[in-house]
């Protein structure tokens, strides 16, 4: 719930900044997406390591590492 509220606040701030300064809004949105990719990658990698008994844990780990690298 808190995650969704924070995302909504960031979207609203991005929209307000975009009206005044589109270049700053683009930079902010790029940073926001990078941070989200990094967080999701870390969570996915940790989850894959915790659930190693699953058949697909290797793919989850690889996608988590890819998210970390891209983020």
N, C-alpha and C. Protein backbone atom coordinates (compact mmCIF):
# COMPACT_ATOMS: atom_id res chain seq x y z
N UNK A 1 0.83 -1.19 0.00
CA UNK A 1 0.00 0.00 0.00
C UNK A 1 0.87 1.26 0.00
N UNK A 2 1.89 1.24 0.86
CA UNK A 2 2.78 2.38 0.93
C UNK A 2 3.54 2.57 -0.38
N UNK A 3 3.91 1.44 -1.00
CA UNK A 3 4.62 1.49 -2.28
C UNK A 3 3.78 2.21 -3.32
N UNK A 4 2.50 1.89 -3.40
CA UNK A 4 1.62 2.50 -4.39
C UNK A 4 1.43 3.99 -4.11
N UNK A 5 1.38 4.35 -2.85
CA UNK A 5 1.24 5.77 -2.51
C UNK A 5 2.49 6.54 -2.91
N UNK A 6 3.67 5.96 -2.67
CA UNK A 6 4.91 6.63 -3.06
C UNK A 6 5.02 6.76 -4.58
N UNK A 7 4.62 5.73 -5.30
CA UNK A 7 4.64 5.79 -6.76
C UNK A 7 3.69 6.87 -7.26
N UNK A 8 2.51 6.95 -6.67
CA UNK A 8 1.54 7.97 -7.07
C UNK A 8 2.08 9.38 -6.83
N UNK A 9 2.72 9.59 -5.69
CA UNK A 9 3.29 10.90 -5.38
C UNK A 9 4.39 11.25 -6.39
N UNK A 10 5.23 10.27 -6.73
CA UNK A 10 6.30 10.53 -7.70
C UNK A 10 5.73 10.83 -9.08
N UNK A 11 4.66 10.15 -9.47
CA UNK A 11 4.03 10.44 -10.76
C UNK A 11 3.44 11.85 -10.78
N UNK A 12 2.82 12.25 -9.69
CA UNK A 12 2.24 13.59 -9.62
C UNK A 12 3.35 14.64 -9.68
N UNK A 13 4.43 14.42 -8.94
CA UNK A 13 5.56 15.36 -8.99
C UNK A 13 6.17 15.43 -10.39
N UNK A 14 6.27 14.29 -11.05
CA UNK A 14 6.80 14.27 -12.41
C UNK A 14 5.90 15.07 -13.34
N UNK A 15 4.60 14.92 -13.20
CA UNK A 15 3.66 15.67 -14.03
C UNK A 15 3.76 17.16 -13.80
N UNK A 16 3.90 17.56 -12.54
CA UNK A 16 4.03 18.99 -12.23
C UNK A 16 5.33 19.56 -12.76
N UNK A 17 6.40 18.80 -12.64
CA UNK A 17 7.68 19.27 -13.15
C UNK A 17 7.67 19.32 -14.67
N UNK A 18 6.99 18.37 -15.30
CA UNK A 18 6.95 18.31 -16.76
C UNK A 18 6.30 19.56 -17.35
N UNK A 19 5.35 20.13 -16.65
CA UNK A 19 4.70 21.34 -17.13
C UNK A 19 5.70 22.50 -17.16
N UNK A 20 6.55 22.57 -16.13
CA UNK A 20 7.50 23.68 -16.02
C UNK A 20 8.82 23.44 -16.75
N UNK A 21 9.33 22.21 -16.67
CA UNK A 21 10.65 21.93 -17.23
C UNK A 21 10.68 20.49 -17.77
N UNK A 22 10.38 20.30 -19.04
CA UNK A 22 10.32 18.94 -19.60
C UNK A 22 11.65 18.19 -19.51
N UNK A 23 12.77 18.87 -19.62
CA UNK A 23 14.07 18.20 -19.55
C UNK A 23 14.31 17.64 -18.15
N UNK A 24 13.97 18.41 -17.14
CA UNK A 24 14.13 17.94 -15.76
C UNK A 24 13.20 16.76 -15.49
N UNK A 25 12.00 16.81 -16.04
CA UNK A 25 11.05 15.71 -15.85
C UNK A 25 11.56 14.44 -16.52
N UNK A 26 12.16 14.56 -17.68
CA UNK A 26 12.72 13.39 -18.36
C UNK A 26 13.85 12.78 -17.53
N UNK A 27 14.69 13.61 -16.99
CA UNK A 27 15.79 13.12 -16.15
C UNK A 27 15.24 12.45 -14.89
N UNK A 28 14.22 13.05 -14.29
CA UNK A 28 13.62 12.48 -13.08
C UNK A 28 12.96 11.14 -13.38
N UNK A 29 12.27 11.05 -14.49
CA UNK A 29 11.61 9.81 -14.85
C UNK A 29 12.62 8.71 -15.15
N UNK A 30 13.72 9.06 -15.78
CA UNK A 30 14.77 8.09 -16.06
C UNK A 30 15.37 7.57 -14.76
N UNK A 31 15.62 8.45 -13.82
CA UNK A 31 16.15 8.03 -12.51
C UNK A 31 15.14 7.14 -11.77
N UNK A 32 13.88 7.50 -11.84
CA UNK A 32 12.82 6.75 -11.18
C UNK A 32 12.74 5.33 -11.73
N UNK A 33 12.78 5.19 -13.04
CA UNK A 33 12.72 3.87 -13.66
C UNK A 33 13.96 3.06 -13.30
N UNK A 34 15.12 3.69 -13.28
CA UNK A 34 16.35 3.00 -12.91
C UNK A 34 16.31 2.49 -11.48
N UNK A 35 15.80 3.31 -10.58
CA UNK A 35 15.70 2.91 -9.17
C UNK A 35 14.71 1.76 -9.03
N UNK A 36 13.58 1.82 -9.74
CA UNK A 36 12.62 0.73 -9.68
C UNK A 36 13.21 -0.57 -10.21
N UNK A 37 13.93 -0.51 -11.32
CA UNK A 37 14.57 -1.71 -11.86
C UNK A 37 15.58 -2.29 -10.87
N UNK A 38 16.33 -1.44 -10.23
CA UNK A 38 17.31 -1.88 -9.25
C UNK A 38 16.64 -2.57 -8.06
N UNK A 39 15.58 -1.95 -7.53
CA UNK A 39 14.87 -2.53 -6.38
C UNK A 39 14.23 -3.86 -6.74
N UNK A 40 13.57 -3.93 -7.89
CA UNK A 40 12.91 -5.17 -8.30
C UNK A 40 13.96 -6.25 -8.56
N UNK A 41 15.09 -5.88 -9.15
CA UNK A 41 16.15 -6.85 -9.40
C UNK A 41 16.70 -7.43 -8.11
N UNK A 42 16.92 -6.59 -7.12
CA UNK A 42 17.42 -7.07 -5.83
C UNK A 42 16.41 -8.00 -5.18
N UNK A 43 15.15 -7.60 -5.17
CA UNK A 43 14.12 -8.43 -4.55
C UNK A 43 13.95 -9.77 -5.28
N UNK A 44 14.02 -9.75 -6.59
CA UNK A 44 13.88 -10.99 -7.36
C UNK A 44 15.07 -11.92 -7.13
N UNK A 45 16.28 -11.37 -7.07
CA UNK A 45 17.47 -12.19 -6.84
C UNK A 45 17.43 -12.82 -5.45
N UNK A 46 17.06 -12.03 -4.45
CA UNK A 46 16.97 -12.56 -3.09
C UNK A 46 15.89 -13.64 -3.01
N UNK A 47 14.76 -13.40 -3.64
CA UNK A 47 13.68 -14.39 -3.65
C UNK A 47 14.10 -15.68 -4.35
N UNK A 48 14.84 -15.56 -5.44
CA UNK A 48 15.31 -16.75 -6.16
C UNK A 48 16.26 -17.56 -5.30
N UNK A 49 17.14 -16.88 -4.57
CA UNK A 49 18.08 -17.59 -3.70
C UNK A 49 17.35 -18.28 -2.56
N UNK A 50 16.31 -17.65 -2.04
CA UNK A 50 15.55 -18.26 -0.94
C UNK A 50 14.73 -19.45 -1.41
N UNK A 51 14.30 -19.46 -2.65
CA UNK A 51 13.44 -20.54 -3.17
C UNK A 51 14.20 -21.40 -4.17
N UNK A 52 15.35 -21.90 -3.78
CA UNK A 52 16.17 -22.69 -4.69
C UNK A 52 15.59 -24.05 -5.00
N UNK A 53 14.59 -24.48 -4.28
CA UNK A 53 13.99 -25.78 -4.56
C UNK A 53 13.10 -25.74 -5.81
N UNK A 54 12.72 -24.56 -6.25
CA UNK A 54 11.88 -24.40 -7.44
C UNK A 54 12.70 -24.69 -8.69
N UNK A 55 12.01 -25.15 -9.75
CA UNK A 55 12.68 -25.45 -11.01
C UNK A 55 13.20 -24.19 -11.70
N UNK A 56 12.50 -23.10 -11.53
CA UNK A 56 12.81 -21.87 -12.28
C UNK A 56 13.64 -20.87 -11.48
N UNK A 57 14.27 -21.29 -10.42
CA UNK A 57 15.00 -20.33 -9.59
C UNK A 57 16.20 -19.73 -10.33
N UNK A 58 16.79 -20.49 -11.24
CA UNK A 58 17.93 -19.97 -11.99
C UNK A 58 17.50 -18.82 -12.89
N UNK A 59 16.35 -18.98 -13.55
CA UNK A 59 15.85 -17.91 -14.43
C UNK A 59 15.45 -16.69 -13.62
N UNK A 60 14.88 -16.91 -12.46
CA UNK A 60 14.54 -15.78 -11.59
C UNK A 60 15.79 -15.05 -11.13
N UNK A 61 16.82 -15.82 -10.81
CA UNK A 61 18.08 -15.20 -10.38
C UNK A 61 18.70 -14.41 -11.53
N UNK A 62 18.70 -14.98 -12.74
CA UNK A 62 19.27 -14.27 -13.88
C UNK A 62 18.50 -13.00 -14.22
N UNK A 63 17.16 -13.07 -14.13
CA UNK A 63 16.38 -11.86 -14.41
C UNK A 63 16.58 -10.82 -13.31
N UNK A 64 16.77 -11.26 -12.08
CA UNK A 64 17.07 -10.32 -11.01
C UNK A 64 18.42 -9.64 -11.20
N UNK A 65 19.42 -10.43 -11.60
CA UNK A 65 20.74 -9.84 -11.87
C UNK A 65 20.70 -8.89 -13.07
N UNK A 66 19.89 -9.23 -14.07
CA UNK A 66 19.74 -8.33 -15.22
C UNK A 66 19.09 -7.02 -14.78
N UNK A 67 18.09 -7.10 -13.93
CA UNK A 67 17.45 -5.89 -13.42
C UNK A 67 18.42 -5.02 -12.63
N UNK A 68 19.30 -5.67 -11.84
CA UNK A 68 20.29 -4.93 -11.07
C UNK A 68 21.26 -4.23 -12.01
N UNK A 69 21.73 -4.95 -13.04
CA UNK A 69 22.68 -4.35 -13.98
C UNK A 69 22.05 -3.20 -14.78
N UNK A 70 20.82 -3.39 -15.22
CA UNK A 70 20.16 -2.36 -16.02
C UNK A 70 19.83 -1.15 -15.14
N UNK A 71 19.38 -1.42 -13.92
CA UNK A 71 19.02 -0.33 -13.01
C UNK A 71 20.24 0.45 -12.62
